[in-house]
N, C-alpha and C. Protein backbone atom coordinates (compact mmCIF):
# COMPACT_ATOMS: atom_id res chain seq x y z
N MET A 1 -24.63 -79.93 21.02
CA MET A 1 -23.48 -79.41 20.34
C MET A 1 -22.96 -78.19 21.08
N ALA A 2 -21.67 -78.07 21.21
CA ALA A 2 -21.06 -76.96 21.89
C ALA A 2 -21.34 -75.64 21.19
N ASP A 3 -21.42 -74.56 21.98
CA ASP A 3 -21.67 -73.24 21.44
C ASP A 3 -20.61 -72.81 20.41
N ASN A 4 -19.39 -73.29 20.63
CA ASN A 4 -18.29 -72.85 19.73
C ASN A 4 -17.94 -73.90 18.68
N ALA A 5 -18.85 -74.85 18.42
CA ALA A 5 -18.55 -75.94 17.50
C ALA A 5 -18.15 -75.47 16.10
N PHE A 6 -18.67 -74.35 15.69
CA PHE A 6 -18.35 -73.82 14.36
C PHE A 6 -17.54 -72.54 14.42
N ALA A 7 -16.85 -72.33 15.54
CA ALA A 7 -16.07 -71.11 15.69
C ALA A 7 -14.89 -71.05 14.72
N TYR A 8 -14.37 -72.19 14.35
CA TYR A 8 -13.30 -72.24 13.36
C TYR A 8 -13.95 -72.59 12.02
N THR A 9 -13.57 -71.88 10.97
CA THR A 9 -14.19 -72.11 9.70
C THR A 9 -13.18 -72.77 8.76
N PRO A 10 -13.15 -74.11 8.71
CA PRO A 10 -12.11 -74.82 7.94
C PRO A 10 -12.08 -74.44 6.46
N LEU A 11 -13.21 -74.11 5.87
CA LEU A 11 -13.20 -73.80 4.42
C LEU A 11 -12.42 -72.55 4.11
N SER A 12 -12.43 -71.60 5.06
CA SER A 12 -11.69 -70.35 4.82
C SER A 12 -10.25 -70.44 5.32
N GLY A 13 -9.98 -71.39 6.24
CA GLY A 13 -8.63 -71.50 6.80
C GLY A 13 -8.31 -70.34 7.73
N ALA A 14 -9.31 -69.66 8.24
CA ALA A 14 -9.04 -68.48 9.07
C ALA A 14 -9.77 -68.56 10.41
N PHE A 15 -9.15 -68.05 11.43
CA PHE A 15 -9.81 -67.95 12.71
C PHE A 15 -10.76 -66.77 12.66
N ARG A 16 -11.87 -66.92 13.38
CA ARG A 16 -12.69 -65.74 13.55
C ARG A 16 -11.96 -64.81 14.49
N GLU A 17 -12.29 -63.57 14.41
CA GLU A 17 -11.53 -62.51 15.10
C GLU A 17 -11.36 -62.77 16.58
N GLU A 18 -12.36 -63.27 17.25
CA GLU A 18 -12.27 -63.46 18.71
C GLU A 18 -11.44 -64.66 19.12
N GLU A 19 -11.04 -65.51 18.20
CA GLU A 19 -10.31 -66.70 18.59
C GLU A 19 -8.81 -66.50 18.72
N LEU A 20 -8.24 -65.56 18.00
CA LEU A 20 -6.81 -65.31 18.10
C LEU A 20 -6.41 -64.98 19.53
N PRO A 21 -7.13 -64.10 20.25
CA PRO A 21 -6.75 -63.85 21.64
C PRO A 21 -6.77 -65.08 22.51
N VAL A 22 -7.71 -66.00 22.26
CA VAL A 22 -7.80 -67.23 23.04
C VAL A 22 -6.56 -68.08 22.76
N LEU A 23 -6.20 -68.23 21.48
CA LEU A 23 -5.01 -69.00 21.12
C LEU A 23 -3.79 -68.39 21.78
N LEU A 24 -3.65 -67.10 21.70
CA LEU A 24 -2.47 -66.42 22.26
C LEU A 24 -2.44 -66.61 23.79
N HIS A 25 -3.60 -66.64 24.42
CA HIS A 25 -3.63 -66.89 25.90
C HIS A 25 -3.13 -68.31 26.17
N TRP A 26 -3.57 -69.30 25.40
CA TRP A 26 -3.12 -70.68 25.60
C TRP A 26 -1.62 -70.78 25.34
N LEU A 27 -1.16 -70.09 24.29
CA LEU A 27 0.27 -70.16 24.00
C LEU A 27 1.10 -69.52 25.13
N GLN A 28 0.63 -68.39 25.65
CA GLN A 28 1.38 -67.76 26.77
C GLN A 28 1.39 -68.67 27.97
N ASP A 29 0.28 -69.32 28.27
CA ASP A 29 0.22 -70.26 29.37
C ASP A 29 1.21 -71.41 29.13
N ALA A 30 1.25 -71.94 27.92
CA ALA A 30 2.17 -73.00 27.59
C ALA A 30 3.62 -72.57 27.74
N ARG A 31 3.89 -71.31 27.31
CA ARG A 31 5.26 -70.78 27.41
C ARG A 31 5.67 -70.64 28.88
N ASN A 32 4.74 -70.31 29.75
CA ASN A 32 5.03 -70.16 31.17
C ASN A 32 5.36 -71.50 31.81
N LYS A 33 4.91 -72.61 31.23
CA LYS A 33 5.07 -73.94 31.84
C LYS A 33 6.10 -74.81 31.12
N ASN A 34 6.60 -74.37 29.97
CA ASN A 34 7.48 -75.22 29.16
C ASN A 34 8.66 -74.43 28.62
N ASP A 35 9.73 -75.13 28.37
CA ASP A 35 10.92 -74.47 27.79
C ASP A 35 10.76 -74.15 26.31
N ILE A 36 10.06 -75.03 25.60
CA ILE A 36 9.83 -74.86 24.14
C ILE A 36 8.38 -75.16 23.86
N VAL A 37 7.77 -74.31 23.04
CA VAL A 37 6.38 -74.50 22.61
C VAL A 37 6.37 -74.60 21.09
N ILE A 38 5.72 -75.69 20.60
CA ILE A 38 5.62 -75.90 19.16
C ILE A 38 4.12 -75.92 18.82
N LEU A 39 3.79 -75.14 17.82
CA LEU A 39 2.37 -75.06 17.34
C LEU A 39 2.33 -75.73 15.98
N VAL A 40 1.47 -76.72 15.85
CA VAL A 40 1.20 -77.35 14.55
C VAL A 40 -0.06 -76.68 14.05
N SER A 41 0.06 -75.97 12.95
CA SER A 41 -1.02 -75.10 12.50
C SER A 41 -1.53 -75.47 11.12
N HIS A 42 -2.81 -75.26 10.93
CA HIS A 42 -3.41 -75.44 9.61
C HIS A 42 -4.17 -74.15 9.25
N SER A 43 -3.65 -73.00 9.70
CA SER A 43 -4.31 -71.72 9.52
C SER A 43 -3.85 -70.96 8.29
N GLY A 44 -2.78 -71.38 7.67
CA GLY A 44 -2.23 -70.64 6.53
C GLY A 44 -1.06 -69.74 6.96
N LEU A 45 -0.19 -69.53 6.04
CA LEU A 45 1.04 -68.80 6.33
C LEU A 45 0.79 -67.37 6.84
N GLU A 46 -0.18 -66.68 6.26
CA GLU A 46 -0.45 -65.30 6.71
C GLU A 46 -0.88 -65.25 8.16
N LYS A 47 -1.77 -66.14 8.56
CA LYS A 47 -2.21 -66.18 9.96
C LYS A 47 -1.08 -66.67 10.86
N ASP A 48 -0.27 -67.62 10.39
CA ASP A 48 0.86 -68.10 11.18
C ASP A 48 1.89 -67.01 11.42
N ARG A 49 2.11 -66.18 10.43
CA ARG A 49 3.01 -65.02 10.60
C ARG A 49 2.45 -64.09 11.66
N SER A 50 1.16 -63.87 11.64
CA SER A 50 0.48 -63.03 12.65
C SER A 50 0.68 -63.59 14.03
N ILE A 51 0.47 -64.90 14.16
CA ILE A 51 0.66 -65.56 15.47
C ILE A 51 2.10 -65.42 15.92
N ALA A 52 3.03 -65.65 15.01
CA ALA A 52 4.47 -65.60 15.34
C ALA A 52 4.91 -64.23 15.78
N SER A 53 4.26 -63.19 15.30
CA SER A 53 4.69 -61.83 15.67
C SER A 53 3.95 -61.31 16.91
N SER A 54 3.13 -62.14 17.53
CA SER A 54 2.37 -61.74 18.71
C SER A 54 3.14 -62.05 19.97
N PRO A 55 2.86 -61.29 21.03
CA PRO A 55 3.47 -61.63 22.34
C PRO A 55 3.11 -63.05 22.77
N GLY A 56 4.05 -63.77 23.32
CA GLY A 56 3.79 -65.12 23.77
C GLY A 56 3.76 -66.15 22.65
N ALA A 57 4.26 -65.75 21.47
CA ALA A 57 4.27 -66.65 20.32
C ALA A 57 5.06 -67.93 20.62
N PRO A 58 4.70 -69.04 19.93
CA PRO A 58 5.46 -70.27 20.12
C PRO A 58 6.88 -70.15 19.57
N ASN A 59 7.75 -71.04 20.02
CA ASN A 59 9.13 -71.06 19.49
C ASN A 59 9.15 -71.50 18.04
N ILE A 60 8.33 -72.47 17.73
CA ILE A 60 8.29 -73.06 16.39
C ILE A 60 6.84 -73.20 15.95
N ILE A 61 6.57 -72.84 14.68
CA ILE A 61 5.27 -73.08 14.10
C ILE A 61 5.47 -73.96 12.89
N ILE A 62 4.79 -75.09 12.86
CA ILE A 62 4.79 -75.99 11.72
C ILE A 62 3.51 -75.66 10.94
N SER A 63 3.69 -75.03 9.81
CA SER A 63 2.57 -74.53 9.01
C SER A 63 2.24 -75.49 7.90
N GLY A 64 0.96 -75.88 7.80
CA GLY A 64 0.61 -76.89 6.82
C GLY A 64 -0.42 -76.55 5.79
N HIS A 65 -1.27 -75.56 6.01
CA HIS A 65 -2.39 -75.30 5.14
C HIS A 65 -2.00 -74.93 3.68
N ASP A 66 -1.04 -74.06 3.55
CA ASP A 66 -0.69 -73.56 2.22
C ASP A 66 0.26 -74.45 1.45
N GLN A 67 0.70 -75.55 2.04
CA GLN A 67 1.62 -76.49 1.40
C GLN A 67 2.94 -75.86 0.99
N ASN A 68 3.37 -74.87 1.78
CA ASN A 68 4.64 -74.19 1.51
C ASN A 68 5.81 -75.08 1.91
N LEU A 69 6.86 -74.97 1.17
CA LEU A 69 8.12 -75.61 1.49
C LEU A 69 9.19 -74.55 1.40
N PHE A 70 9.89 -74.28 2.50
CA PHE A 70 10.89 -73.25 2.55
C PHE A 70 12.26 -73.90 2.46
N GLU A 71 13.16 -73.32 1.69
CA GLU A 71 14.51 -73.81 1.65
C GLU A 71 15.17 -73.70 3.02
N LYS A 72 14.86 -72.62 3.69
CA LYS A 72 15.31 -72.38 5.08
C LYS A 72 14.14 -71.97 5.90
N PRO A 73 14.15 -72.30 7.18
CA PRO A 73 13.05 -71.85 8.04
C PRO A 73 12.95 -70.34 8.03
N LEU A 74 11.71 -69.84 8.17
CA LEU A 74 11.49 -68.40 8.25
C LEU A 74 11.60 -67.96 9.72
N ARG A 75 12.16 -66.82 9.95
CA ARG A 75 12.24 -66.27 11.30
C ARG A 75 11.24 -65.09 11.33
N VAL A 76 10.24 -65.19 12.20
CA VAL A 76 9.29 -64.10 12.36
C VAL A 76 9.26 -63.80 13.85
N GLY A 77 9.68 -62.60 14.23
CA GLY A 77 9.81 -62.29 15.62
C GLY A 77 10.78 -63.25 16.25
N LYS A 78 10.41 -63.88 17.33
CA LYS A 78 11.26 -64.88 17.99
C LYS A 78 10.90 -66.29 17.59
N SER A 79 9.94 -66.44 16.67
CA SER A 79 9.48 -67.75 16.22
C SER A 79 10.17 -68.20 14.94
N ILE A 80 10.22 -69.50 14.80
CA ILE A 80 10.71 -70.13 13.57
C ILE A 80 9.50 -70.79 12.90
N LEU A 81 9.30 -70.50 11.62
CA LEU A 81 8.24 -71.09 10.85
C LEU A 81 8.81 -72.05 9.83
N VAL A 82 8.22 -73.23 9.76
CA VAL A 82 8.60 -74.23 8.76
C VAL A 82 7.33 -74.69 8.06
N GLY A 83 7.43 -75.06 6.79
CA GLY A 83 6.31 -75.56 6.04
C GLY A 83 6.43 -77.08 5.84
N THR A 84 5.28 -77.71 5.71
CA THR A 84 5.25 -79.18 5.56
C THR A 84 5.40 -79.63 4.13
N GLY A 85 5.32 -78.72 3.19
CA GLY A 85 5.31 -79.10 1.78
C GLY A 85 3.96 -79.71 1.42
N LYS A 86 3.88 -80.22 0.23
CA LYS A 86 2.62 -80.81 -0.27
C LYS A 86 2.30 -82.10 0.48
N ASN A 87 1.12 -82.15 1.03
CA ASN A 87 0.60 -83.33 1.73
C ASN A 87 1.56 -83.78 2.87
N GLY A 88 2.24 -82.85 3.51
CA GLY A 88 3.12 -83.21 4.61
C GLY A 88 4.34 -83.98 4.18
N SER A 89 4.76 -83.82 2.95
CA SER A 89 5.83 -84.67 2.38
C SER A 89 7.18 -84.48 3.01
N VAL A 90 7.41 -83.38 3.72
CA VAL A 90 8.77 -83.18 4.25
C VAL A 90 8.78 -83.09 5.77
N ILE A 91 7.78 -83.61 6.44
CA ILE A 91 7.84 -83.61 7.89
C ILE A 91 8.78 -84.75 8.31
N GLY A 92 9.65 -84.42 9.26
CA GLY A 92 10.53 -85.47 9.78
C GLY A 92 11.97 -85.10 9.63
């Protein structure tokens, strides 16, 4: 089993502290290679807002953990956050 097999704790919906810098590194790398970066996240709206306000944030974050449905997309920093609604009912 990999050393980091349990680095993400699904029951809490939160990244451990050392994982956010890794995600941000991957996002920055993706931004350097692509015109648009979309992150599909199951981390919860609070963590997604944190990601969106970080340097190298994705253009769009599709947030699913909290089952939020926004009448209008949220703008956080340069990112757009959208929610999937309950059970992904509004994707598409």
